[in-house]
C-alpha atoms as a PDB file:
ATOM      1  CA  MET A   1      -8.371  -3.392 -16.401  1.00  0.00           C
ATOM      2  CA  PRO A   2      -5.834  -1.227 -18.843  1.00  0.00           C
ATOM      3  CA  GLU A   3      -4.910   1.827 -16.959  1.00  0.00           C
ATOM      4  CA  LEU A   4      -3.848   5.063 -18.299  1.00  0.00           C
ATOM      5  CA  PRO A   5      -0.342   3.888 -20.352  1.00  0.00           C
ATOM      6  CA  GLU A   6      -2.349   0.611 -22.119  1.00  0.00           C
ATOM      7  CA  VAL A   7      -5.222   3.010 -23.316  1.00  0.00           C
ATOM      8  CA  GLU A   8      -2.554   5.532 -24.478  1.00  0.00           C
ATOM      9  CA  THR A   9      -0.547   3.014 -26.337  1.00  0.00           C
ATOM     10  CA  VAL A  10      -3.901   1.693 -27.861  1.00  0.00           C
ATOM     11  CA  ARG A  11      -4.405   4.891 -29.234  1.00  0.00           C
ATOM     12  CA  ARG A  12      -1.299   5.702 -30.682  1.00  0.00           C
ATOM     13  CA  GLY A  13      -1.686   2.139 -32.528  1.00  0.00           C
ATOM     14  CA  LEU A  14      -5.017   3.109 -34.343  1.00  0.00           C
ATOM     15  CA  ASP A  15      -3.853   6.701 -35.195  1.00  0.00           C
ATOM     16  CA  PRO A  16      -2.511   6.073 -38.196  1.00  0.00           C
ATOM     17  CA  VAL A  17      -5.256   4.201 -39.500  1.00  0.00           C
ATOM     18  CA  MET A  18      -7.993   5.918 -38.192  1.00  0.00           C
ATOM     19  CA  THR A  19      -7.605   9.558 -37.990  1.00  0.00           C
ATOM     20  CA  GLY A  20      -8.622  10.956 -41.243  1.00  0.00           C
ATOM     21  CA  ALA A  21     -10.126   7.513 -42.570  1.00  0.00           C
ATOM     22  CA  ARG A  22     -13.870   7.314 -43.215  1.00  0.00           C
ATOM     23  CA  ILE A  23     -15.721   4.086 -41.659  1.00  0.00           C
ATOM     24  CA  GLU A  24     -17.398   2.368 -44.589  1.00  0.00           C
ATOM     25  CA  LYS A  25     -18.691  -0.394 -42.616  1.00  0.00           C
ATOM     26  CA  ALA A  26     -19.485  -0.722 -38.837  1.00  0.00           C
ATOM     27  CA  ASP A  27     -20.396  -4.165 -38.010  1.00  0.00           C
ATOM     28  CA  VAL A  28     -22.268  -4.569 -34.757  1.00  0.00           C
ATOM     29  CA  ARG A  29     -22.503  -7.602 -33.665  1.00  0.00           C
ATOM     30  CA  ARG A  30     -24.556  -7.442 -30.887  1.00  0.00           C
ATOM     31  CA  PRO A  31     -26.786  -5.005 -29.061  1.00  0.00           C
ATOM     32  CA  ASP A  32     -24.398  -4.048 -25.902  1.00  0.00           C
ATOM     33  CA  LEU A  33     -21.292  -4.970 -24.109  1.00  0.00           C
ATOM     34  CA  ARG A  34     -21.732  -3.760 -20.735  1.00  0.00           C
ATOM     35  CA  TRP A  35     -24.355  -1.194 -21.228  1.00  0.00           C
ATOM     36  CA  PRO A  36     -26.548  -1.093 -24.608  1.00  0.00           C
ATOM     37  CA  PHE A  37     -25.305   0.244 -27.622  1.00  0.00           C
ATOM     38  CA  PRO A  38     -26.465   3.496 -28.325  1.00  0.00           C
ATOM     39  CA  ASP A  39     -29.414   3.832 -30.793  1.00  0.00           C
ATOM     40  CA  HIS A  40     -28.752   3.609 -34.537  1.00  0.00           C
ATOM     41  CA  MET A  41     -25.004   3.287 -33.634  1.00  0.00           C
ATOM     42  CA  GLN A  42     -23.930   1.611 -37.235  1.00  0.00           C
ATOM     43  CA  ALA A  43     -26.006   4.275 -39.396  1.00  0.00           C
ATOM     44  CA  ARG A  44     -24.297   6.732 -36.884  1.00  0.00           C
ATOM     45  CA  LEU A  45     -20.795   5.580 -37.399  1.00  0.00           C
ATOM     46  CA  GLU A  46     -21.261   4.562 -41.391  1.00  0.00           C
ATOM     47  CA  GLY A  47     -19.940   7.480 -43.781  1.00  0.00           C
ATOM     48  CA  GLN A  48     -18.121   9.025 -40.647  1.00  0.00           C
ATOM     49  CA  THR A  49     -14.622  10.510 -40.962  1.00  0.00           C
ATOM     50  CA  VAL A  50     -12.580  10.456 -37.749  1.00  0.00           C
ATOM     51  CA  THR A  51     -11.095  13.777 -37.513  1.00  0.00           C
ATOM     52  CA  ARG A  52      -9.072  13.169 -34.348  1.00  0.00           C
ATOM     53  CA  LEU A  53      -8.383  10.697 -31.909  1.00  0.00           C
ATOM     54  CA  ARG A  54      -7.523  11.324 -28.727  1.00  0.00           C
ATOM     55  CA  ARG A  55      -7.901  10.056 -25.072  1.00  0.00           C
ATOM     56  CA  ARG A  56      -9.444  10.769 -21.557  1.00  0.00           C
ATOM     57  CA  SER A  57      -8.173   9.165 -18.633  1.00  0.00           C
ATOM     58  CA  LYS A  58      -9.036   5.392 -19.259  1.00  0.00           C
ATOM     59  CA  TYR A  59     -11.336   6.374 -22.426  1.00  0.00           C
ATOM     60  CA  LEU A  60     -10.617   6.004 -26.202  1.00  0.00           C
ATOM     61  CA  LEU A  61     -12.533   9.251 -28.001  1.00  0.00           C
ATOM     62  CA  ALA A  62     -12.713   9.233 -31.779  1.00  0.00           C
ATOM     63  CA  ASP A  63     -14.151  12.243 -33.026  1.00  0.00           C
ATOM     64  CA  LEU A  64     -16.185  12.613 -36.187  1.00  0.00           C
ATOM     65  CA  ASP A  65     -16.741  14.953 -38.705  1.00  0.00           C
ATOM     66  CA  GLY A  66     -20.555  14.654 -38.340  1.00  0.00           C
ATOM     67  CA  GLY A  67     -20.152  16.629 -35.100  1.00  0.00           C
ATOM     68  CA  GLU A  68     -20.633  13.127 -32.843  1.00  0.00           C
ATOM     69  CA  THR A  69     -17.601  11.613 -30.969  1.00  0.00           C
ATOM     70  CA  LEU A  70     -17.531   7.753 -30.568  1.00  0.00           C
ATOM     71  CA  LEU A  71     -16.393   6.753 -26.429  1.00  0.00           C
ATOM     72  CA  ILE A  72     -14.457   3.370 -26.230  1.00  0.00           C
ATOM     73  CA  HIS A  73     -13.442   1.409 -23.036  1.00  0.00           C
ATOM     74  CA  LEU A  74     -12.009  -1.823 -22.624  1.00  0.00           C
ATOM     75  CA  GLY A  75     -13.074  -2.827 -19.826  1.00  0.00           C
ATOM     76  CA  MET A  76     -11.402  -6.015 -18.219  1.00  0.00           C
ATOM     77  CA  SER A  77     -10.756  -8.008 -21.292  1.00  0.00           C
ATOM     78  CA  GLY A  78     -11.345  -5.605 -24.398  1.00  0.00           C
ATOM     79  CA  ARG A  79      -8.957  -5.544 -26.903  1.00  0.00           C
ATOM     80  CA  ILE A  80      -8.859  -2.977 -30.254  1.00  0.00           C
ATOM     81  CA  LEU A  81      -6.625  -4.953 -32.930  1.00  0.00           C
ATOM     82  CA  ILE A  82      -5.723  -3.629 -36.570  1.00  0.00           C
ATOM     83  CA  SER A  83      -5.416  -5.625 -39.631  1.00  0.00           C
ATOM     84  CA  GLN A  84      -5.036  -4.794 -43.303  1.00  0.00           C
ATOM     85  CA  ASP A  85      -4.640  -6.039 -46.517  1.00  0.00           C
ATOM     86  CA  LYS A  86      -1.368  -6.521 -48.018  1.00  0.00           C
ATOM     87  CA  GLU A  87      -1.285  -3.728 -50.872  1.00  0.00           C
ATOM     88  CA  SER A  88      -2.447  -0.970 -48.252  1.00  0.00           C
ATOM     89  CA  ALA A  89      -0.001  -1.880 -44.901  1.00  0.00           C
ATOM     90  CA  LYS A  90       2.955  -1.496 -47.219  1.00  0.00           C
ATOM     91  CA  GLU A  91       1.906   2.467 -47.522  1.00  0.00           C
ATOM     92  CA  THR A  92       0.077   2.784 -44.047  1.00  0.00           C
ATOM     93  CA  LEU A  93       1.461   0.668 -41.472  1.00  0.00           C
ATOM     94  CA  GLY A  94       4.281  -0.945 -42.431  1.00  0.00           C
ATOM     95  CA  SER A  95       5.492  -4.559 -41.742  1.00  0.00           C
ATOM     96  CA  TYR A  96       3.772  -5.411 -38.872  1.00  0.00           C
ATOM     97  CA  ALA A  97       0.375  -5.046 -39.911  1.00  0.00           C
ATOM     98  CA  GLN A  98      -1.607  -7.929 -39.425  1.00  0.00           C
ATOM     99  CA  ALA A  99      -3.744  -9.956 -42.353  1.00  0.00           C
ATOM    100  CA  HIS A 100      -7.714  -9.800 -42.478  1.00  0.00           C
ATOM    101  CA  SER A 101      -8.862 -13.195 -40.756  1.00  0.00           C
ATOM    102  CA  ALA A 102     -11.699 -14.936 -40.183  1.00  0.00           C
ATOM    103  CA  PRO A 103     -13.972 -13.729 -37.282  1.00  0.00           C
ATOM    104  CA  GLU A 104     -13.328 -14.812 -33.859  1.00  0.00           C
ATOM    105  CA  PRO A 105     -16.363 -15.229 -31.239  1.00  0.00           C
ATOM    106  CA  HIS A 106     -16.190 -12.617 -29.290  1.00  0.00           C
ATOM    107  CA  ASP A 107     -15.449  -9.677 -32.194  1.00  0.00           C
ATOM    108  CA  HIS A 108     -18.139  -7.591 -31.239  1.00  0.00           C
ATOM    109  CA  VAL A 109     -17.598  -4.318 -33.409  1.00  0.00           C
ATOM    110  CA  VAL A 110     -15.546  -4.316 -36.462  1.00  0.00           C
ATOM    111  CA  PHE A 111     -14.977  -0.883 -38.523  1.00  0.00           C
ATOM    112  CA  GLU A 112     -13.744  -1.213 -41.800  1.00  0.00           C
ATOM    113  CA  MET A 113     -12.114   1.959 -43.033  1.00  0.00           C
ATOM    114  CA  ASN A 114     -11.835   3.230 -46.385  1.00  0.00           C
ATOM    115  CA  ASN A 115      -8.170   3.033 -45.891  1.00  0.00           C
ATOM    116  CA  GLY A 116      -8.200  -0.747 -46.226  1.00  0.00           C
ATOM    117  CA  ALA A 117      -7.621  -1.193 -42.427  1.00  0.00           C
ATOM    118  CA  ARG A 118     -10.270  -3.210 -40.371  1.00  0.00           C
ATOM    119  CA  VAL A 119     -10.479  -2.315 -36.591  1.00  0.00           C
ATOM    120  CA  THR A 120     -11.808  -5.037 -34.306  1.00  0.00           C
ATOM    121  CA  PHE A 121     -12.983  -4.665 -30.776  1.00  0.00           C
ATOM    122  CA  ASN A 122     -12.497  -7.867 -29.153  1.00  0.00           C
ATOM    123  CA  ASP A 123     -14.022  -8.556 -25.629  1.00  0.00           C
ATOM    124  CA  PRO A 124     -14.571 -11.755 -24.051  1.00  0.00           C
ATOM    125  CA  ARG A 125     -15.923 -10.624 -20.828  1.00  0.00           C
ATOM    126  CA  ARG A 126     -18.372  -7.996 -22.341  1.00  0.00           C
ATOM    127  CA  PHE A 127     -17.178  -5.050 -19.820  1.00  0.00           C
ATOM    128  CA  GLY A 128     -15.925  -3.102 -22.424  1.00  0.00           C
ATOM    129  CA  ALA A 129     -18.299  -0.396 -23.505  1.00  0.00           C
ATOM    130  CA  MET A 130     -19.461   2.234 -26.516  1.00  0.00           C
ATOM    131  CA  ASP A 131     -21.255   5.098 -26.847  1.00  0.00           C
ATOM    132  CA  LEU A 132     -21.917   8.178 -28.885  1.00  0.00           C
ATOM    133  CA  MET A 133     -22.246  11.707 -27.745  1.00  0.00           C
ATOM    134  CA  ALA A 134     -22.052  15.136 -29.060  1.00  0.00           C
ATOM    135  CA  THR A 135     -18.460  16.288 -29.453  1.00  0.00           C
ATOM    136  CA  ASP A 136     -19.349  19.506 -27.909  1.00  0.00           C
ATOM    137  CA  GLY A 137     -21.354  18.321 -25.273  1.00  0.00           C
ATOM    138  CA  GLN A 138     -18.626  15.774 -24.196  1.00  0.00           C
ATOM    139  CA  ALA A 139     -17.668  17.761 -20.734  1.00  0.00           C
ATOM    140  CA  ASP A 140     -21.521  16.649 -19.440  1.00  0.00           C
ATOM    141  CA  HIS A 141     -21.052  12.829 -20.108  1.00  0.00           C
ATOM    142  CA  LYS A 142     -21.898  10.605 -17.534  1.00  0.00           C
ATOM    143  CA  LEU A 143     -18.429   8.872 -17.633  1.00  0.00           C
ATOM    144  CA  LEU A 144     -16.370  12.122 -18.208  1.00  0.00           C
ATOM    145  CA  ALA A 145     -18.160  15.015 -16.282  1.00  0.00           C
ATOM    146  CA  LYS A 146     -16.464  14.597 -12.989  1.00  0.00           C
ATOM    147  CA  LEU A 147     -12.909  13.126 -14.053  1.00  0.00           C
ATOM    148  CA  GLY A 148      -9.483  15.025 -12.627  1.00  0.00           C
ATOM    149  CA  PRO A 149      -6.725  16.339 -14.646  1.00  0.00           C
ATOM    150  CA  GLU A 150      -5.056  14.191 -16.554  1.00  0.00           C
ATOM    151  CA  PRO A 151      -1.480  13.461 -14.853  1.00  0.00           C
ATOM    152  CA  LEU A 152       0.926  13.988 -17.641  1.00  0.00           C
ATOM    153  CA  GLY A 153      -1.242  17.433 -18.166  1.00  0.00           C
ATOM    154  CA  ASN A 154      -0.201  21.260 -17.226  1.00  0.00           C
ATOM    155  CA  GLY A 155      -3.043  20.618 -14.236  1.00  0.00           C
ATOM    156  CA  PHE A 156      -1.690  18.138 -12.545  1.00  0.00           C
ATOM    157  CA  HIS A 157       0.906  19.738 -10.007  1.00  0.00           C
ATOM    158  CA  ALA A 158       1.838  19.522  -6.216  1.00  0.00           C
ATOM    159  CA  ASP A 159      -0.677  22.376  -5.451  1.00  0.00           C
ATOM    160  CA  HIS A 160      -3.495  20.616  -6.608  1.00  0.00           C
ATOM    161  CA  LEU A 161      -2.919  17.193  -4.549  1.00  0.00           C
ATOM    162  CA  ALA A 162      -2.399  19.319  -1.949  1.00  0.00           C
ATOM    163  CA  GLN A 163      -6.011  21.042  -1.962  1.00  0.00           C
ATOM    164  CA  SER A 164      -7.320  17.496  -3.055  1.00  0.00           C
ATOM    165  CA  PHE A 165      -6.062  16.151  -0.121  1.00  0.00           C
ATOM    166  CA  ASP A 166      -6.536  18.826   2.460  1.00  0.00           C
ATOM    167  CA  GLY A 167      -8.368  16.994   5.630  1.00  0.00           C
ATOM    168  CA  LYS A 168      -8.522  13.738   3.915  1.00  0.00           C
ATOM    169  CA  LYS A 169      -8.166  10.734   6.261  1.00  0.00           C
ATOM    170  CA  ALA A 170      -8.175   8.085   3.436  1.00  0.00           C
ATOM    171  CA  SER A 171      -4.672   6.543   2.279  1.00  0.00           C
ATOM    172  CA  ILE A 172      -2.679   7.936  -0.108  1.00  0.00           C
ATOM    173  CA  LYS A 173      -3.402   5.098  -2.349  1.00  0.00           C
ATOM    174  CA  ALA A 174      -7.277   5.308  -1.719  1.00  0.00           C
ATOM    175  CA  ALA A 175      -6.957   9.009  -3.177  1.00  0.00           C
ATOM    176  CA  LEU A 176      -4.978   8.864  -5.937  1.00  0.00           C
ATOM    177  CA  LEU A 177      -7.097   5.913  -7.287  1.00  0.00           C
ATOM    178  CA  ASP A 178     -10.167   8.453  -7.137  1.00  0.00           C
ATOM    179  CA  GLN A 179     -10.758   9.387 -10.875  1.00  0.00           C
ATOM    180  CA  ARG A 180     -12.368  12.742  -9.598  1.00  0.00           C
ATOM    181  CA  ILE A 181      -8.398  13.704  -8.018  1.00  0.00           C
ATOM    182  CA  VAL A 182      -6.501  12.491 -11.041  1.00  0.00           C
ATOM    183  CA  ALA A 183      -7.447  10.432 -14.190  1.00  0.00           C
ATOM    184  CA  GLY A 184      -6.648   7.321 -15.423  1.00  0.00           C
ATOM    185  CA  LEU A 185      -4.902   6.148 -12.716  1.00  0.00           C
ATOM    186  CA  GLY A 186      -5.335   2.592 -11.454  1.00  0.00           C
ATOM    187  CA  ASN A 187      -3.484   0.059  -9.085  1.00  0.00           C
ATOM    188  CA  ILE A 188      -0.490  -0.770 -10.697  1.00  0.00           C
ATOM    189  CA  TYR A 189       1.143   2.327 -11.644  1.00  0.00           C
ATOM    190  CA  VAL A 190      -0.029   3.986  -8.303  1.00  0.00           C
ATOM    191  CA  CYS A 191       1.752   1.433  -6.604  1.00  0.00           C
ATOM    192  CA  GLU A 192       4.792   2.086  -8.721  1.00  0.00           C
ATOM    193  CA  ALA A 193       4.900   5.630  -8.209  1.00  0.00           C
ATOM    194  CA  LEU A 194       4.426   5.603  -4.465  1.00  0.00           C
ATOM    195  CA  PHE A 195       7.627   3.423  -4.323  1.00  0.00           C
ATOM    196  CA  ARG A 196       9.940   5.751  -6.339  1.00  0.00           C
ATOM    197  CA  SER A 197       8.281   8.637  -4.023  1.00  0.00           C
ATOM    198  CA  GLY A 198       9.382   7.001  -0.547  1.00  0.00           C
ATOM    199  CA  ILE A 199       5.426   6.922   0.107  1.00  0.00           C
ATOM    200  CA  SER A 200       3.788   4.291   2.021  1.00  0.00           C
ATOM    201  CA  PRO A 201       0.214   3.491   0.498  1.00  0.00           C
ATOM    202  CA  LYS A 202      -1.229   3.843   3.740  1.00  0.00           C
ATOM    203  CA  ARG A 203      -0.139   7.353   4.814  1.00  0.00           C
ATOM    204  CA  ALA A 204      -3.286   9.623   5.276  1.00  0.00           C
ATOM    205  CA  ALA A 205      -3.585  11.423   2.153  1.00  0.00           C
ATOM    206  CA  GLY A 206      -3.954  14.697   3.844  1.00  0.00           C
ATOM    207  CA  ARG A 207      -1.065  14.020   6.170  1.00  0.00           C
ATOM    208  CA  ILE A 208       1.888  14.286   3.345  1.00  0.00           C
ATOM    209  CA  SER A 209       3.970  17.263   2.913  1.00  0.00           C
ATOM    210  CA  HIS A 210       4.018  19.378   0.054  1.00  0.00           C
ATOM    211  CA  ASP A 211       7.846  18.489  -0.819  1.00  0.00           C
ATOM    212  CA  HIS A 212       6.683  15.219  -0.749  1.00  0.00           C
ATOM    213  CA  LEU A 213       3.518  15.831  -3.185  1.00  0.00           C
ATOM    214  CA  SER A 214       6.055  17.353  -5.417  1.00  0.00           C
ATOM    215  CA  ALA A 215       8.616  14.159  -5.662  1.00  0.00           C
ATOM    216  CA  LEU A 216       5.032  12.218  -5.879  1.00  0.00           C
ATOM    217  CA  VAL A 217       3.779  14.009  -8.908  1.00  0.00           C
ATOM    218  CA  ASP A 218       7.587  13.863 -10.613  1.00  0.00           C
ATOM    219  CA  ALA A 219       7.348   9.599  -9.974  1.00  0.00           C
ATOM    220  CA  ILE A 220       3.603   9.433 -11.469  1.00  0.00           C
ATOM    221  CA  ARG A 221       4.757  11.231 -14.747  1.00  0.00           C
ATOM    222  CA  GLN A 222       8.010   9.041 -14.466  1.00  0.00           C
ATOM    223  CA  VAL A 223       6.213   5.707 -14.319  1.00  0.00           C
ATOM    224  CA  LEU A 224       3.697   6.590 -16.822  1.00  0.00           C
ATOM    225  CA  THR A 225       6.094   7.884 -19.290  1.00  0.00           C
ATOM    226  CA  GLU A 226       7.994   4.696 -19.043  1.00  0.00           C
ATOM    227  CA  ALA A 227       5.042   2.744 -19.168  1.00  0.00           C
ATOM    228  CA  ILE A 228       4.176   4.285 -22.397  1.00  0.00           C
ATOM    229  CA  ALA A 229       7.132   3.939 -23.969  1.00  0.00           C
ATOM    230  CA  ALA A 230       7.069   0.138 -23.255  1.00  0.00           C
ATOM    231  CA  GLY A 231       3.847  -0.509 -24.447  1.00  0.00           C
ATOM    232  CA  GLY A 232       1.974  -0.482 -21.402  1.00  0.00           C
ATOM    233  CA  SER A 233       1.839  -3.698 -18.890  1.00  0.00           C
ATOM    234  CA  SER A 234       0.271  -7.154 -20.267  1.00  0.00           C
ATOM    235  CA  LEU A 235      -0.558  -8.914 -17.089  1.00  0.00           C
ATOM    236  CA  ARG A 236      -3.753 -10.943 -18.663  1.00  0.00           C
ATOM    237  CA  ASP A 237      -5.604 -10.022 -21.813  1.00  0.00           C
ATOM    238  CA  TYR A 238      -4.039  -6.598 -22.865  1.00  0.00           C
ATOM    239  CA  ARG A 239      -2.721  -6.558 -26.289  1.00  0.00           C
ATOM    240  CA  GLN A 240      -1.286  -3.313 -28.302  1.00  0.00           C
ATOM    241  CA  ALA A 241      -2.984  -2.156 -31.264  1.00  0.00           C
ATOM    242  CA  ASP A 242      -0.946  -4.506 -33.355  1.00  0.00           C
ATOM    243  CA  GLY A 243      -1.319  -7.360 -31.477  1.00  0.00           C
ATOM    244  CA  ASP A 244       1.967  -7.663 -29.398  1.00  0.00           C
ATOM    245  CA  LEU A 245       2.115  -7.695 -25.653  1.00  0.00           C
ATOM    246  CA  GLY A 246       3.351  -4.719 -23.707  1.00  0.00           C
ATOM    247  CA  TYR A 247       6.630  -5.003 -21.304  1.00  0.00           C
ATOM    248  CA  PHE A 248       6.484  -2.663 -18.802  1.00  0.00           C
ATOM    249  CA  GLN A 249       5.902  -5.593 -16.386  1.00  0.00           C
ATOM    250  CA  HIS A 250       9.143  -6.796 -16.515  1.00  0.00           C
ATOM    251  CA  THR A 251      10.409  -3.611 -14.812  1.00  0.00           C
ATOM    252  CA  PHE A 252       8.170  -3.754 -12.008  1.00  0.00           C
ATOM    253  CA  ARG A 253      10.146  -2.627  -8.326  1.00  0.00           C
ATOM    254  CA  VAL A 254       6.955  -3.625  -6.120  1.00  0.00           C
ATOM    255  CA  TYR A 255       4.182  -4.628  -8.405  1.00  0.00           C
ATOM    256  CA  GLY A 256       3.707  -8.267  -7.730  1.00  0.00           C
ATOM    257  CA  ARG A 257       6.640  -8.615  -5.777  1.00  0.00           C
ATOM    258  CA  ALA A 258       5.571  -9.934  -2.315  1.00  0.00           C
ATOM    259  CA  ASP A 259       8.458 -11.593  -0.376  1.00  0.00           C
ATOM    260  CA  GLN A 260      11.271 -10.056  -2.698  1.00  0.00           C
ATOM    261  CA  PRO A 261      13.919  -7.891  -1.979  1.00  0.00           C
ATOM    262  CA  CYS A 262      12.958  -4.389  -1.860  1.00  0.00           C
ATOM    263  CA  LEU A 263      15.297  -2.917  -5.387  1.00  0.00           C
ATOM    264  CA  LYS A 264      16.379   0.299  -3.726  1.00  0.00           C
ATOM    265  CA  ASP A 265      19.972   0.514  -3.128  1.00  0.00           C
ATOM    266  CA  GLY A 266      20.857   0.108   0.271  1.00  0.00           C
ATOM    267  CA  CYS A 267      17.412  -0.594   1.852  1.00  0.00           C
ATOM    268  CA  GLY A 268      17.781  -4.400   2.336  1.00  0.00           C
ATOM    269  CA  GLY A 269      14.000  -4.394   2.839  1.00  0.00           C
ATOM    270  CA  THR A 270      11.326  -6.717   1.766  1.00  0.00           C
ATOM    271  CA  VAL A 271       8.254  -5.945  -0.543  1.00  0.00           C
ATOM    272  CA  ILE A 272       4.897  -7.020   1.444  1.00  0.00           C
ATOM    273  CA  ARG A 273       1.671  -7.487   0.016  1.00  0.00           C
ATOM    274  CA  THR A 274      -1.064  -5.594   1.903  1.00  0.00           C
ATOM    275  CA  VAL A 275      -5.433  -5.293   0.662  1.00  0.00           C
ATOM    276  CA  GLN A 276      -6.422  -1.803   0.157  1.00  0.00           C
ATOM    277  CA  THR A 277     -10.133  -0.679  -0.849  1.00  0.00           C
ATOM    278  CA  GLY A 278     -10.293  -4.665  -2.182  1.00  0.00           C
ATOM    279  CA  ARG A 279      -7.421  -4.305  -4.325  1.00  0.00           C
ATOM    280  CA  SER A 280      -3.800  -6.010  -3.830  1.00  0.00           C
ATOM    281  CA  SER A 281      -1.275  -3.230  -2.944  1.00  0.00           C
ATOM    282  CA  PHE A 282       2.695  -3.726  -2.509  1.00  0.00           C
ATOM    283  CA  HIS A 283       5.110  -1.845  -0.997  1.00  0.00           C
ATOM    284  CA  CYS A 284       8.424  -1.610   1.197  1.00  0.00           C
ATOM    285  CA  PRO A 285       7.519  -0.888   4.511  1.00  0.00           C
ATOM    286  CA  ARG A 286      11.055   0.125   5.226  1.00  0.00           C
ATOM    287  CA  CYS A 287      11.887   2.709   3.005  1.00  0.00           C
ATOM    288  CA  GLN A 288       8.440   3.780   2.134  1.00  0.00           C
ATOM    289  CA  ARG A 289       6.735   5.860   5.084  1.00  0.00           C
END
């Protein structure tokens, strides 16, 4: 499942060709993905100009000049790819633009933009989603209403975690995956941040000191910033908007490294794999306490 860095990377790739451009044609090739598409989605999108492209948690949000916002969730295998005719590519995207190609079987929604770009949502497993909502009412949308603060925003800090974790017996790993506490974190980056901050994923969230929470906040910000700069992590289906793979997976310090030596200087421990809340968890029991 793409996490915050992957979605932010896609947003940044889409921004040059979608923001300020008009959707000339919205080719909706099926009635649903994970859930049914909103009524009359094609008609509501065509002719609309994208005024702003944002990310909230793991969702892409495209604000339209007609007063609605398009919500996009990549799901497990969703990809958004850009192609463009050669002439407009020279002006908009540069040399990395992909030429238009024949439709593929899992190209479910295709946007033809007035600048010559084609934006294609491809999703073999169909766990992705799209929805339309009033821009001024998005705070009440069922997928957005209960989200916690963004981990790279000013609302995310040690005091927030201390208040959220107060009295919690759940593990710190499970607590950080709770989107009501912090938005956008997933399994990979929680494992990496806990390693950098020296905290065991098994520790009870409510029993972690304020100093350790401060270190954890710094580690989360650091890991996410590095992952975004690397274009995210490609473990299976994920691609950037230009079709390239992300490469942060080459710098994982614990995730996927079971039975390998700990990379922390002077530790000498071995990374182990456990299962928490039904997901693989990786940590070094010697230096993560």
